Amino acid sequence: MPLYDLLTGFNLYTWSFSIASAVFCIGIIYRIIGFFRLSIGPQRTGFTTTSRIKAFLLGLSGILVSPVRILHLFKAVILDVVLQLPLMRQNFLKWFMHICIYWGFAGLFFFHALEGYVSEVIFPGYQSTLSPFMFLRNIAGVMVMVGVGIAIYRRKTNFRLKQISKHPDYLAIALLGLIMISGFGLEAAKIISSGVFYDMVEEYGSLDEEELPALKAVWQEEFNVQFPGEVVQITPELMEEGRILNEDNCTVCHSNPKEAFVSYPLSIAMTPVAGFFNRNRLDLLLLNIHFLSCFLGLAYLPFSKFLHILTTPVSLMISGLAGQQIKRDENKATRRVFDLSACTQCGTCTSHCAVGALYEIFDNPWVFPSERVTRIRESAWGRPMDPESRDAFSQGSFICTMCNKCSQLCPAGLDLQDIWKATRDQLEVESLPDPVIRIRELLKKHESKKPGLYTPLVIKPGENPVVESLKKSFQGATFSNCYTCLTCTNSCPVVAVAGETREFGSAPHQVIHALVLGQTELTKDASIVWNCLTCYKCQENCPQGVRITDIFYQLKNIVHHQEFGI
């Protein structure tokens, strides 16, 4: 077969679609296997792929046999996936952008790209050139373009989004834009194309040569078809005859293209170059560009942020059913990997991150949650980090206060806090990236000397230099205001996770009360000081204004100075 034939027409469509479909299927299979094979955290070898698949199937069967959980699933699908209400509650403009892109593209995909399997089945007598289908197709295309425009605007004007936007983000936007623009251009070129008109007459028409001028007159004047090099006579009689011929032969498949409210004005704008377009059949070139860009998007989907089109709805359903309370460890491991692929890189977590401002201090992009998600995903899928990058990533990971705000606000329903914890656990296993970790290692040596669960505490009188130092500090001096109301302990996420406050040093109020009593040796070894997430919830909720988190910071610095002389 000649190369020209392979690169044009139906042959080009056939082999390019076959390749794109094959790449898409291989990519999806590869991703699905990875969800059950890869892990994040030190337990990465703890579960087999088989055990994780079994755990997933057990969890799925538990949902399917429970009417209550089915109801919750249906609610999550309607409210979170279809209407995307979590996103709307956060930011209306972002919600509107996503609705436009998501549902506009979904409409084009199902009712246009898959028209042979959807539209023709649902709508009797469906033709893509009939009204209202032309109008609806233009509506869907405009929705996508509006969404793309908002996406570009937000990434150019939003401070945080500008900082985290990368080439793949703009590539995804550009590919969507190319698909939409080529689609509108193709429809406009087909409207003015005399070649399309003659192909239609030859394939479907049964007109005599004497009747053809009348039909051409109507299609030129009312449908904006251009006949370069031909002089089409226009008379009232000829137009009347043409309308009758059009009614008898064409209206079953063709409505007036004026209903394509974007493509038709575009075809009018193309009229001055219609001769060049028609002589060279550039409508066929635009057709090739359009379906090749669509096939490129199809092949690119499993390996890009486009994957969230499939994974984010599933993540939202999981979040709607289980939240952050998945029971089986195997499913937790699977969800971590899956959540990484469900991330849309929308920047919500970064925009609301409590420590995001530290980026300007450290010049470390991994301070941002969205950037850490990207890096963790790349590492999980086999892209290693060099030592310098690993140090920077460790810094960004341990700066995180684990306040869980990112998980609470994530419009994709990701359990980010679980990912952060697993990542930090792995970093602790592989290296000592933080002074806190080094202090913990030293404190383990004194574990046997610590008071046991039921061991009475001995109060040692006398002046204490640490207490005196704290009293001289604006932040530290506030500890004497504590009257042990337990508000700090009740609001502490570390205590909530551990669920144990009987052992001294496991709760914030115990440390503050020990300082009041002058027992600084006890506070130095207190687990809550070194496990503190610095989320500031205790400090923010304290009715007495005790600067609890700041006091913990000072205690850490004092101990670090004592141990290392720094």
Protein backbone atom coordinates (compact mmCIF):
# COMPACT_ATOMS: atom_id res chain seq x y z
CA MET A 1 0.00 0.00 0.00
CA PRO A 2 1.46 3.41 -0.92
CA LEU A 3 2.64 5.61 1.96
CA TYR A 4 0.24 8.34 0.87
CA ASP A 5 -2.71 6.00 1.36
CA LEU A 6 -1.50 5.05 4.83
CA LEU A 7 -1.26 8.70 5.86
CA THR A 8 -4.66 9.77 4.59
CA GLY A 9 -8.30 8.96 4.94
CA PHE A 10 -9.73 5.84 6.49
CA ASN A 11 -6.40 3.98 6.70
CA LEU A 12 -4.86 6.71 8.84
CA TYR A 13 -7.90 6.66 11.11
CA THR A 14 -7.83 2.87 11.42
CA TRP A 15 -4.19 2.32 12.29
CA SER A 16 -3.86 5.42 14.52
CA PHE A 17 -6.98 4.44 16.48
CA SER A 18 -5.69 0.88 16.84
CA ILE A 19 -2.34 2.04 18.18
CA ALA A 20 -3.92 4.59 20.56
CA SER A 21 -6.41 2.01 21.87
CA ALA A 22 -3.65 -0.55 22.42
CA VAL A 23 -1.47 1.96 24.29
CA PHE A 24 -4.48 3.02 26.38
CA CYS A 25 -5.41 -0.56 27.31
CA ILE A 26 -1.81 -1.51 28.15
CA GLY A 27 -1.45 1.66 30.23
CA ILE A 28 -4.66 1.04 32.17
CA ILE A 29 -3.72 -2.58 32.87
CA TYR A 30 -0.26 -1.45 34.00
CA ARG A 31 -1.82 1.11 36.36
CA ILE A 32 -4.33 -1.34 37.84
CA ILE A 33 -1.59 -3.88 38.52
CA GLY A 34 0.48 -1.14 40.12
CA PHE A 35 -2.35 -0.19 42.47
CA PHE A 36 -2.16 -3.66 44.04
CA ARG A 37 1.59 -4.19 43.71
CA LEU A 38 3.20 -0.93 44.82
CA SER A 39 3.28 0.39 48.38
CA ILE A 40 4.21 3.51 50.28
CA GLY A 41 5.86 3.24 53.65
CA PRO A 42 8.04 0.73 55.50
CA GLN A 43 5.44 -2.04 55.22
CA ARG A 44 5.97 -2.20 51.47
CA THR A 45 6.89 -5.88 51.64
CA GLY A 46 4.25 -6.76 54.20
CA PHE A 47 1.47 -7.67 51.79
CA THR A 48 1.44 -9.66 48.59
CA THR A 49 -0.40 -8.53 45.49
CA THR A 50 -2.74 -11.49 45.89
CA SER A 51 -3.62 -10.64 49.49
CA ARG A 52 -4.37 -7.04 48.52
CA ILE A 53 -6.62 -8.09 45.66
CA LYS A 54 -8.49 -10.46 48.00
CA ALA A 55 -8.90 -7.70 50.58
CA PHE A 56 -10.23 -5.35 47.90
CA LEU A 57 -12.75 -7.92 46.66
CA LEU A 58 -13.88 -8.62 50.21
CA GLY A 59 -14.38 -4.92 50.82
CA LEU A 60 -16.28 -4.54 47.55
CA SER A 61 -18.55 -7.49 48.32
CA GLY A 62 -19.23 -5.99 51.74
CA ILE A 63 -20.52 -2.86 50.03
CA LEU A 64 -22.67 -4.71 47.51
CA VAL A 65 -24.49 -6.79 50.13
CA SER A 66 -25.26 -3.84 52.41
CA PRO A 67 -28.31 -1.72 51.48
CA VAL A 68 -27.11 1.07 53.77
CA ARG A 69 -23.69 1.22 52.14
CA ILE A 70 -25.27 1.05 48.70
CA LEU A 71 -27.35 4.07 49.69
CA HIS A 72 -24.23 5.91 50.85
CA LEU A 73 -22.50 4.97 47.59
CA PHE A 74 -25.40 6.34 45.55
CA LYS A 75 -25.30 9.53 47.60
CA ALA A 76 -21.55 9.91 46.99
CA VAL A 77 -21.99 9.36 43.24
CA ILE A 78 -24.72 12.02 42.93
CA LEU A 79 -23.38 14.67 45.29
CA ASP A 80 -19.62 14.23 45.00
CA VAL A 81 -19.09 12.87 41.46
CA VAL A 82 -21.99 14.19 39.38
CA LEU A 83 -22.61 17.53 41.10
CA GLN A 84 -19.08 17.86 42.61
CA LEU A 85 -20.46 19.70 45.64
CA PRO A 86 -17.26 19.43 47.75
CA LEU A 87 -15.48 21.47 45.10
CA MET A 88 -18.30 24.00 44.88
CA ARG A 89 -18.22 24.57 48.64
CA GLN A 90 -14.52 25.46 48.39
CA ASN A 91 -14.36 27.67 45.35
CA PHE A 92 -17.18 28.44 42.93
CA LEU A 93 -14.91 29.44 40.04
CA LYS A 94 -12.88 26.24 40.34
CA TRP A 95 -16.11 24.21 40.51
CA PHE A 96 -17.53 25.95 37.45
CA MET A 97 -14.28 25.35 35.55
CA HIS A 98 -14.26 21.65 36.39
CA ILE A 99 -17.97 21.19 35.63
CA CYS A 100 -17.49 22.81 32.22
CA ILE A 101 -14.50 20.67 31.28
CA TYR A 102 -15.74 17.42 32.80
CA TRP A 103 -19.32 17.41 31.57
CA GLY A 104 -18.61 19.21 28.32
CA PHE A 105 -15.99 16.65 27.38
CA ALA A 106 -18.13 13.77 28.67
CA GLY A 107 -21.01 14.92 26.44
CA LEU A 108 -18.74 15.08 23.40
CA PHE A 109 -17.19 11.72 24.18
CA PHE A 110 -20.37 9.73 24.71
CA PHE A 111 -22.76 11.45 22.32
CA HIS A 112 -20.35 12.40 19.54
CA ALA A 113 -17.21 10.24 19.60
CA LEU A 114 -19.28 7.18 20.55
CA GLU A 115 -22.37 8.24 18.63
CA GLY A 116 -22.62 4.85 16.94
CA TYR A 117 -22.93 3.15 20.32
CA VAL A 118 -24.84 5.80 22.30
CA SER A 119 -26.62 8.50 20.29
CA GLU A 120 -27.83 6.24 17.48
CA VAL A 121 -29.17 3.79 20.05
CA ILE A 122 -30.90 6.36 22.25
CA PHE A 123 -32.23 8.75 19.58
CA PRO A 124 -34.18 7.28 16.63
CA GLY A 125 -33.11 8.82 13.32
CA TYR A 126 -29.99 10.38 14.84
CA GLN A 127 -27.63 12.22 12.49
CA SER A 128 -24.79 14.44 13.68
CA THR A 129 -25.86 17.09 11.12
CA LEU A 130 -29.40 17.40 12.47
CA SER A 131 -30.82 19.83 14.99
CA PRO A 132 -30.63 19.94 18.01
CA PHE A 133 -27.51 17.75 17.94
CA MET A 134 -25.39 20.40 16.21
CA PHE A 135 -26.48 22.94 18.79
CA LEU A 136 -25.79 20.63 21.73
CA ARG A 137 -22.40 19.66 20.31
CA ASN A 138 -21.44 23.33 20.09
CA ILE A 139 -22.71 23.87 23.64
CA ALA A 140 -20.48 21.05 24.91
CA GLY A 141 -17.49 22.40 23.00
CA VAL A 142 -18.03 25.91 24.37
CA MET A 143 -18.25 24.46 27.90
CA VAL A 144 -14.84 22.81 27.50
CA MET A 145 -13.28 25.97 26.03
CA VAL A 146 -14.70 28.10 28.85
CA GLY A 147 -13.24 25.63 31.35
CA VAL A 148 -9.87 25.67 29.59
CA GLY A 149 -9.89 29.48 29.61
CA ILE A 150 -10.63 29.57 33.35
CA ALA A 151 -7.87 26.98 33.96
CA ILE A 152 -5.32 29.16 32.14
CA TYR A 153 -6.53 32.28 33.97
CA ARG A 154 -6.26 30.61 37.39
CA ARG A 155 -2.78 29.25 36.74
CA LYS A 156 -1.60 32.68 35.59
CA THR A 157 -3.21 34.73 38.37
CA ASN A 158 -3.28 32.45 41.42
CA PHE A 159 -0.05 32.91 43.35
CA ARG A 160 0.26 29.33 44.58
CA LEU A 161 -0.86 27.75 41.32
CA LYS A 162 1.78 29.73 39.44
CA GLN A 163 4.41 28.30 41.79
CA ILE A 164 3.39 24.66 41.32
CA SER A 165 2.34 24.68 37.64
CA LYS A 166 4.60 22.62 35.38
CA HIS A 167 4.87 21.79 31.69
CA PRO A 168 2.61 18.69 31.92
CA ASP A 169 -0.18 20.88 33.32
CA TYR A 170 0.00 23.24 30.35
CA LEU A 171 0.42 20.29 27.97
CA ALA A 172 -2.88 18.84 29.19
CA ILE A 173 -4.59 22.21 28.75
CA ALA A 174 -3.06 22.64 25.28
CA LEU A 175 -4.19 19.18 24.18
CA LEU A 176 -7.76 19.88 25.29
CA GLY A 177 -7.65 23.20 23.47
CA LEU A 178 -6.32 21.55 20.30
CA ILE A 179 -9.10 18.96 20.32
CA MET A 180 -11.79 21.63 20.73
CA ILE A 181 -10.36 24.16 18.26
CA SER A 182 -9.75 21.51 15.59
CA GLY A 183 -13.30 20.25 16.14
CA PHE A 184 -14.87 23.67 15.62
CA GLY A 185 -12.54 24.33 12.66
CA LEU A 186 -13.44 20.99 11.11
CA GLU A 187 -17.18 21.64 11.38
CA ALA A 188 -16.77 25.13 9.88
CA ALA A 189 -14.63 23.78 7.02
CA LYS A 190 -17.25 21.10 6.28
CA ILE A 191 -19.97 23.78 6.19
CA ILE A 192 -18.22 25.75 3.43
CA SER A 193 -16.82 22.72 1.60
CA SER A 194 -18.13 22.10 -1.91
CA GLY A 195 -16.36 18.74 -1.76
CA VAL A 196 -18.53 17.66 1.17
CA PHE A 197 -21.61 18.83 -0.76
CA TYR A 198 -20.72 16.83 -3.87
CA ASP A 199 -19.84 13.76 -1.77
CA MET A 200 -23.28 13.99 -0.16
CA VAL A 201 -25.06 14.33 -3.52
CA GLU A 202 -23.12 11.42 -4.98
CA GLU A 203 -23.67 9.11 -2.03
CA TYR A 204 -27.22 9.90 -1.01
CA GLY A 205 -28.86 12.01 -3.69
CA SER A 206 -30.92 10.93 -6.66
CA LEU A 207 -30.95 14.27 -8.49
CA ASP A 208 -30.83 14.92 -12.19
CA GLU A 209 -28.20 17.24 -13.60
CA GLU A 210 -30.95 19.81 -14.27
CA GLU A 211 -31.98 19.84 -10.58
CA LEU A 212 -28.50 20.24 -9.15
CA PRO A 213 -28.15 24.03 -9.79
CA ALA A 214 -31.30 24.72 -7.76
CA LEU A 215 -30.01 22.71 -4.76
CA LYS A 216 -26.60 24.40 -5.03
CA ALA A 217 -28.27 27.81 -4.96
CA VAL A 218 -30.09 27.01 -1.70
CA TRP A 219 -27.02 25.52 -0.04
CA GLN A 220 -24.90 28.47 -1.06
CA GLU A 221 -27.34 31.14 0.13
CA GLU A 222 -28.79 29.45 3.21
CA PHE A 223 -26.13 26.88 4.23
CA ASN A 224 -23.02 28.97 3.35
CA VAL A 225 -21.50 26.32 1.06
CA GLN A 226 -18.91 27.90 -1.23
CA PHE A 227 -18.36 26.78 -4.84
CA PRO A 228 -15.01 28.25 -5.92
CA GLY A 229 -14.66 28.80 -9.67
CA GLU A 230 -18.39 28.25 -10.20
CA VAL A 231 -21.06 30.85 -10.79
CA VAL A 232 -24.27 29.81 -9.09
CA GLN A 233 -27.30 31.57 -10.52
CA ILE A 234 -29.67 32.94 -7.90
CA THR A 235 -33.27 33.58 -8.88
CA PRO A 236 -36.51 33.39 -6.85
CA GLU A 237 -37.75 30.52 -8.97
CA LEU A 238 -34.50 28.61 -8.64
CA MET A 239 -34.46 29.14 -4.87
CA GLU A 240 -38.03 27.91 -4.52
CA GLU A 241 -37.24 24.80 -6.52
CA GLY A 242 -34.09 24.25 -4.47
CA ARG A 243 -35.99 24.45 -1.19
CA ILE A 244 -38.41 21.80 -2.42
CA LEU A 245 -35.53 19.57 -3.50
CA ASN A 246 -33.79 20.11 -0.17
CA GLU A 247 -37.00 19.25 1.70
CA ASP A 248 -37.48 16.06 -0.29
CA ASN A 249 -33.88 14.83 -0.32
CA CYS A 250 -31.73 16.44 2.38
CA THR A 251 -33.66 17.44 5.48
CA VAL A 252 -33.74 13.87 6.78
CA CYS A 253 -29.99 14.13 7.40
CA HIS A 254 -29.17 17.86 7.28
CA SER A 255 -30.54 20.79 9.24
CA ASN A 256 -29.55 24.38 8.61
CA PRO A 257 -26.02 24.72 10.05
CA LYS A 258 -26.92 28.11 11.57
CA GLU A 259 -27.84 26.11 14.69
CA ALA A 260 -24.14 25.42 15.13
CA PHE A 261 -23.79 28.83 16.76
CA VAL A 262 -19.99 28.68 16.95
CA SER A 263 -19.07 26.74 13.83
CA TYR A 264 -21.42 28.64 11.49
CA PRO A 265 -20.05 32.13 12.27
CA LEU A 266 -16.58 30.61 11.99
CA SER A 267 -17.49 29.30 8.52
CA ILE A 268 -18.56 32.82 7.51
CA ALA A 269 -15.20 34.14 8.72
CA MET A 270 -13.49 31.49 6.57
CA THR A 271 -15.42 32.49 3.42
CA PRO A 272 -12.60 34.70 1.99
CA VAL A 273 -10.26 31.67 1.96
CA ALA A 274 -12.96 29.16 0.98
CA GLY A 275 -11.47 28.73 -2.49
CA PHE A 276 -8.09 27.72 -1.06
CA PHE A 277 -9.75 25.42 1.49
CA ASN A 278 -11.99 23.71 -1.04
CA ARG A 279 -9.41 23.28 -3.78
CA ASN A 280 -7.03 21.62 -1.35
CA ARG A 281 -9.72 19.78 0.68
CA LEU A 282 -8.35 21.21 3.92
CA ASP A 283 -11.45 19.92 5.65
CA LEU A 284 -9.85 16.48 5.37
CA LEU A 285 -6.62 17.85 6.88
CA LEU A 286 -8.56 19.29 9.81
CA LEU A 287 -10.35 15.96 10.17
CA ASN A 288 -6.98 14.21 10.48
CA ILE A 289 -5.72 16.76 13.00
CA HIS A 290 -8.89 16.40 15.04
CA PHE A 291 -9.00 12.64 15.37
CA LEU A 292 -5.21 12.35 15.76
CA SER A 293 -5.31 14.82 18.68
CA CYS A 294 -8.17 12.81 20.20
CA PHE A 295 -6.24 9.57 19.80
CA LEU A 296 -3.13 11.20 21.29
CA GLY A 297 -5.20 12.18 24.32
CA LEU A 298 -6.49 8.60 24.56
CA ALA A 299 -2.99 7.11 24.49
CA TYR A 300 -1.64 9.79 26.84
CA LEU A 301 -4.40 9.36 29.45
CA PRO A 302 -2.98 6.46 31.53
CA PHE A 303 0.42 8.17 31.82
CA SER A 304 -0.67 11.71 32.63
CA LYS A 305 -2.82 13.75 34.97
CA PHE A 306 -5.73 12.84 32.65
CA LEU A 307 -5.87 9.56 34.56
CA HIS A 308 -7.76 11.37 37.31
CA ILE A 309 -10.77 11.41 34.95
CA LEU A 310 -11.14 7.73 35.87
CA THR A 311 -9.56 7.54 39.32
CA THR A 312 -10.95 10.66 41.02
CA PRO A 313 -14.61 9.54 40.82
CA VAL A 314 -13.59 6.23 42.42
CA SER A 315 -11.63 8.07 45.11
CA LEU A 316 -14.66 10.27 45.86
CA MET A 317 -16.85 7.19 46.20
CA ILE A 318 -14.33 5.55 48.56
CA SER A 319 -14.13 8.72 50.60
CA GLY A 320 -17.92 8.99 50.70
CA LEU A 321 -18.20 5.42 51.97
CA ALA A 322 -15.23 5.06 54.31
CA GLY A 323 -13.69 8.50 54.76
CA GLN A 324 -10.36 7.92 56.49
CA GLN A 325 -11.56 4.83 58.37
CA ILE A 326 -10.50 1.93 56.13
CA LYS A 327 -10.03 -1.04 58.45
CA ARG A 328 -7.87 -3.56 56.58
CA ASP A 329 -4.18 -2.66 56.28
CA GLU A 330 -4.03 -4.24 52.83
CA ASN A 331 -6.72 -1.86 51.56
CA LYS A 332 -4.96 1.08 53.21
CA ALA A 333 -1.79 0.23 51.27
CA THR A 334 -3.78 -0.03 48.03
CA ARG A 335 -5.62 3.21 48.65
CA ARG A 336 -2.38 5.14 49.17
CA VAL A 337 -1.13 4.20 45.71
CA PHE A 338 -4.57 4.74 44.16
CA ASP A 339 -4.97 8.17 45.78
CA LEU A 340 -1.71 9.32 44.23
CA SER A 341 -3.21 8.67 40.78
CA ALA A 342 -6.48 10.36 41.73
CA CYS A 343 -4.76 13.66 42.53
CA THR A 344 -5.79 16.36 40.04
CA GLN A 345 -2.93 18.75 40.95
CA CYS A 346 -5.61 21.39 41.51
CA GLY A 347 -3.51 23.08 44.21
CA THR A 348 -6.23 23.17 46.89
CA CYS A 349 -4.00 21.51 49.48
CA THR A 350 -1.12 23.82 48.68
CA SER A 351 -3.30 26.94 48.77
CA HIS A 352 -4.50 26.07 52.30
CA CYS A 353 -1.29 24.53 53.66
CA ALA A 354 -0.35 25.90 57.07
CA VAL A 355 3.36 25.79 56.23
CA GLY A 356 3.14 26.76 52.55
CA ALA A 357 4.63 30.15 53.31
CA LEU A 358 7.90 28.43 54.28
CA TYR A 359 8.58 27.87 50.59
CA GLU A 360 9.84 31.44 50.38
CA ILE A 361 12.26 30.71 53.23
CA PHE A 362 13.62 27.32 52.17
CA ASP A 363 13.07 27.59 48.41
CA ASN A 364 11.99 23.96 48.60
CA PRO A 365 9.03 22.99 46.37
CA TRP A 366 8.39 19.88 48.48
CA VAL A 367 7.10 22.07 51.26
CA PHE A 368 3.92 22.13 49.13
CA PRO A 369 1.62 19.11 49.59
CA SER A 370 0.74 18.89 45.88
CA GLU A 371 4.44 18.70 44.98
CA ARG A 372 5.06 15.97 47.55
CA VAL A 373 2.20 13.96 46.06
CA THR A 374 3.84 14.18 42.64
CA ARG A 375 7.24 13.16 43.98
CA ILE A 376 5.83 10.27 46.07
CA ARG A 377 3.91 9.03 43.02
CA GLU A 378 7.04 9.13 40.87
CA SER A 379 9.04 7.29 43.54
CA ALA A 380 6.34 4.64 43.96
CA TRP A 381 6.36 4.00 40.22
CA GLY A 382 10.12 3.54 40.07
CA ARG A 383 11.76 6.96 39.67
CA PRO A 384 14.48 7.25 42.34
CA MET A 385 15.74 10.45 43.97
CA ASP A 386 19.34 11.58 44.13
CA PRO A 387 20.76 12.25 47.66
CA GLU A 388 20.34 16.03 47.37
CA SER A 389 16.72 15.73 46.28
CA ARG A 390 16.09 13.19 49.02
CA ASP A 391 17.36 15.60 51.66
CA ALA A 392 15.15 18.36 50.30
CA PHE A 393 12.17 16.03 50.18
CA SER A 394 12.82 14.93 53.76
CA GLN A 395 12.89 18.54 54.84
CA GLY A 396 9.59 19.25 53.11
CA SER A 397 8.02 16.11 54.60
CA PHE A 398 9.02 16.86 58.19
CA ILE A 399 8.07 20.52 57.99
CA CYS A 400 4.50 19.32 57.46
CA THR A 401 2.53 19.67 60.72
CA MET A 402 0.16 16.79 59.90
CA CYS A 403 -2.77 19.04 60.72
CA ASN A 404 -4.96 17.10 58.24
CA LYS A 405 -6.37 20.26 56.68
CA CYS A 406 -5.26 19.07 53.23
CA SER A 407 -7.25 15.82 53.55
CA GLN A 408 -10.31 17.65 54.83
CA LEU A 409 -10.27 20.11 51.92
CA CYS A 410 -9.15 17.79 49.09
CA PRO A 411 -11.87 17.88 46.39
CA ALA A 412 -10.75 14.46 45.16
CA GLY A 413 -11.31 12.80 48.55
CA LEU A 414 -7.66 11.81 49.09
CA ASP A 415 -6.50 10.64 52.52
CA LEU A 416 -3.31 12.71 52.35
CA GLN A 417 -2.47 12.46 56.03
CA ASP A 418 -2.13 8.69 55.76
CA ILE A 419 0.23 9.17 52.80
CA TRP A 420 2.33 11.71 54.77
CA LYS A 421 2.57 9.39 57.76
CA ALA A 422 3.60 6.39 55.65
CA THR A 423 6.18 8.47 53.80
CA ARG A 424 7.67 9.84 57.02
CA ASP A 425 7.82 6.35 58.49
CA GLN A 426 9.76 5.22 55.45
CA LEU A 427 12.14 8.17 55.71
CA GLU A 428 12.77 7.30 59.35
CA VAL A 429 13.67 3.76 58.34
CA GLU A 430 16.01 4.79 55.54
CA SER A 431 17.69 7.82 57.12
CA LEU A 432 17.65 10.29 59.99
CA PRO A 433 16.39 13.36 58.19
CA ASP A 434 15.41 15.50 61.16
CA PRO A 435 16.90 16.48 64.52
CA VAL A 436 13.74 15.23 66.18
CA ILE A 437 14.44 11.76 64.86
CA ARG A 438 17.97 11.87 66.24
CA ILE A 439 16.69 12.98 69.62
CA ARG A 440 14.17 10.14 69.62
CA GLU A 441 16.99 7.70 69.02
CA LEU A 442 18.82 9.05 72.04
CA LEU A 443 15.72 8.99 74.22
CA LYS A 444 15.19 5.32 73.48
CA LYS A 445 18.38 4.63 75.44
CA HIS A 446 16.73 6.04 78.56
CA GLU A 447 13.46 4.17 78.07
CA SER A 448 14.05 1.88 81.03
CA LYS A 449 14.59 4.82 83.36
CA LYS A 450 11.24 6.42 82.53
CA PRO A 451 8.36 6.02 85.02
CA GLY A 452 6.16 3.07 84.22
CA LEU A 453 2.44 3.10 83.79
CA TYR A 454 1.77 2.69 87.49
CA THR A 455 5.03 4.06 88.92
CA PRO A 456 4.55 7.04 91.25
CA LEU A 457 6.29 10.24 90.28
CA VAL A 458 8.81 11.79 92.63
CA ILE A 459 8.52 15.57 92.90
CA LYS A 460 11.98 17.15 93.21
CA PRO A 461 12.02 20.59 94.79
CA GLY A 462 14.42 23.38 93.99
CA GLU A 463 15.16 25.85 91.27
CA ASN A 464 15.34 24.62 87.72
CA PRO A 465 17.27 26.47 84.99
CA VAL A 466 14.91 25.26 82.23
CA VAL A 467 11.88 26.57 84.10
CA GLU A 468 13.63 29.83 84.77
CA SER A 469 14.52 30.11 81.07
CA LEU A 470 10.91 29.51 80.09
CA LYS A 471 9.70 32.11 82.59
CA LYS A 472 11.90 34.73 80.92
CA SER A 473 10.37 33.95 77.49
CA PHE A 474 7.22 35.65 76.31
CA GLN A 475 5.86 32.35 74.95
CA GLY A 476 7.13 30.12 77.72
CA ALA A 477 5.98 32.27 80.58
CA THR A 478 2.39 31.49 79.78
CA PHE A 479 2.65 27.91 81.11
CA SER A 480 1.90 29.16 84.62
CA ASN A 481 -1.62 30.12 83.45
CA CYS A 482 -2.61 26.48 83.01
CA TYR A 483 -5.30 25.13 85.31
CA THR A 484 -5.41 21.66 83.69
CA CYS A 485 -8.77 21.91 81.97
CA LEU A 486 -7.62 19.28 79.40
CA THR A 487 -8.78 21.36 76.41
CA CYS A 488 -5.35 20.93 74.82
CA THR A 489 -5.42 17.16 75.25
CA ASN A 490 -8.98 16.85 73.97
CA SER A 491 -8.10 18.77 70.79
CA CYS A 492 -4.75 17.07 70.14
CA PRO A 493 -4.73 14.83 67.00
CA VAL A 494 -1.76 12.82 68.34
CA VAL A 495 -3.71 11.88 71.46
CA ALA A 496 -6.74 11.08 69.30
CA VAL A 497 -4.71 8.62 67.25
CA ALA A 498 -2.81 7.06 70.16
CA GLY A 499 -5.88 6.86 72.41
CA GLU A 500 -3.71 6.45 75.51
CA THR A 501 -3.07 9.15 78.15
CA ARG A 502 -2.43 7.05 81.27
CA GLU A 503 1.34 7.03 80.79
CA PHE A 504 2.95 10.30 81.72
CA GLY A 505 4.10 12.43 78.81
CA SER A 506 1.52 11.21 76.32
CA ALA A 507 -0.71 14.29 76.63
CA PRO A 508 -0.01 18.05 76.39
CA HIS A 509 -1.60 19.00 79.74
CA GLN A 510 0.74 16.60 81.54
CA VAL A 511 3.81 18.40 80.17
CA ILE A 512 2.51 21.85 81.03
CA HIS A 513 1.55 20.73 84.54
CA ALA A 514 5.00 19.19 85.04
CA LEU A 515 6.57 22.53 84.10
CA VAL A 516 4.37 24.25 86.67
CA LEU A 517 5.78 21.80 89.22
CA GLY A 518 9.34 22.36 87.97
CA GLN A 519 9.80 18.76 86.76
CA THR A 520 11.69 19.50 83.52
CA GLU A 521 13.47 16.14 83.46
CA LEU A 522 10.09 14.55 82.94
CA THR A 523 9.13 16.98 80.18
CA LYS A 524 12.32 16.34 78.24
CA ASP A 525 11.41 12.67 77.80
CA ALA A 526 7.70 13.29 77.22
CA SER A 527 6.60 11.52 74.05
CA ILE A 528 4.03 14.19 73.18
CA VAL A 529 6.79 16.81 72.91
CA TRP A 530 8.60 14.80 70.25
CA ASN A 531 5.47 13.48 68.55
CA CYS A 532 3.87 16.92 68.38
CA LEU A 533 2.65 17.73 64.87
CA THR A 534 2.89 21.49 65.47
CA CYS A 535 -0.65 21.90 64.20
CA TYR A 536 -1.28 24.53 66.90
CA LYS A 537 -4.74 23.17 67.71
CA CYS A 538 -3.93 22.99 71.43
CA GLN A 539 -2.58 26.53 71.46
CA GLU A 540 -5.47 27.92 69.44
CA ASN A 541 -8.08 26.33 71.73
CA CYS A 542 -6.46 27.04 75.11
CA PRO A 543 -8.83 29.28 77.14
CA GLN A 544 -5.90 30.61 79.19
CA GLY A 545 -3.71 31.57 76.26
CA VAL A 546 -0.95 29.12 77.09
CA ARG A 547 1.46 28.99 74.14
CA ILE A 548 1.66 25.21 74.29
CA THR A 549 3.14 24.51 70.86
CA ASP A 550 5.69 27.30 71.25
CA ILE A 551 6.68 25.90 74.64
CA PHE A 552 7.19 22.49 73.03
CA TYR A 553 9.42 24.15 70.43
CA GLN A 554 11.52 25.74 73.18
CA LEU A 555 11.81 22.45 75.04
CA LYS A 556 13.01 20.74 71.87
CA ASN A 557 15.61 23.45 71.29
CA ILE A 558 16.84 23.24 74.91
CA VAL A 559 17.20 19.45 74.70
CA HIS A 560 18.89 19.63 71.30
CA HIS A 561 21.37 22.16 72.66
CA GLN A 562 22.07 19.98 75.69
CA GLU A 563 22.61 16.84 73.61
CA PHE A 564 24.54 18.28 70.67
CA GLY A 565 25.80 21.63 71.89
CA ILE A 566 24.25 23.41 68.92
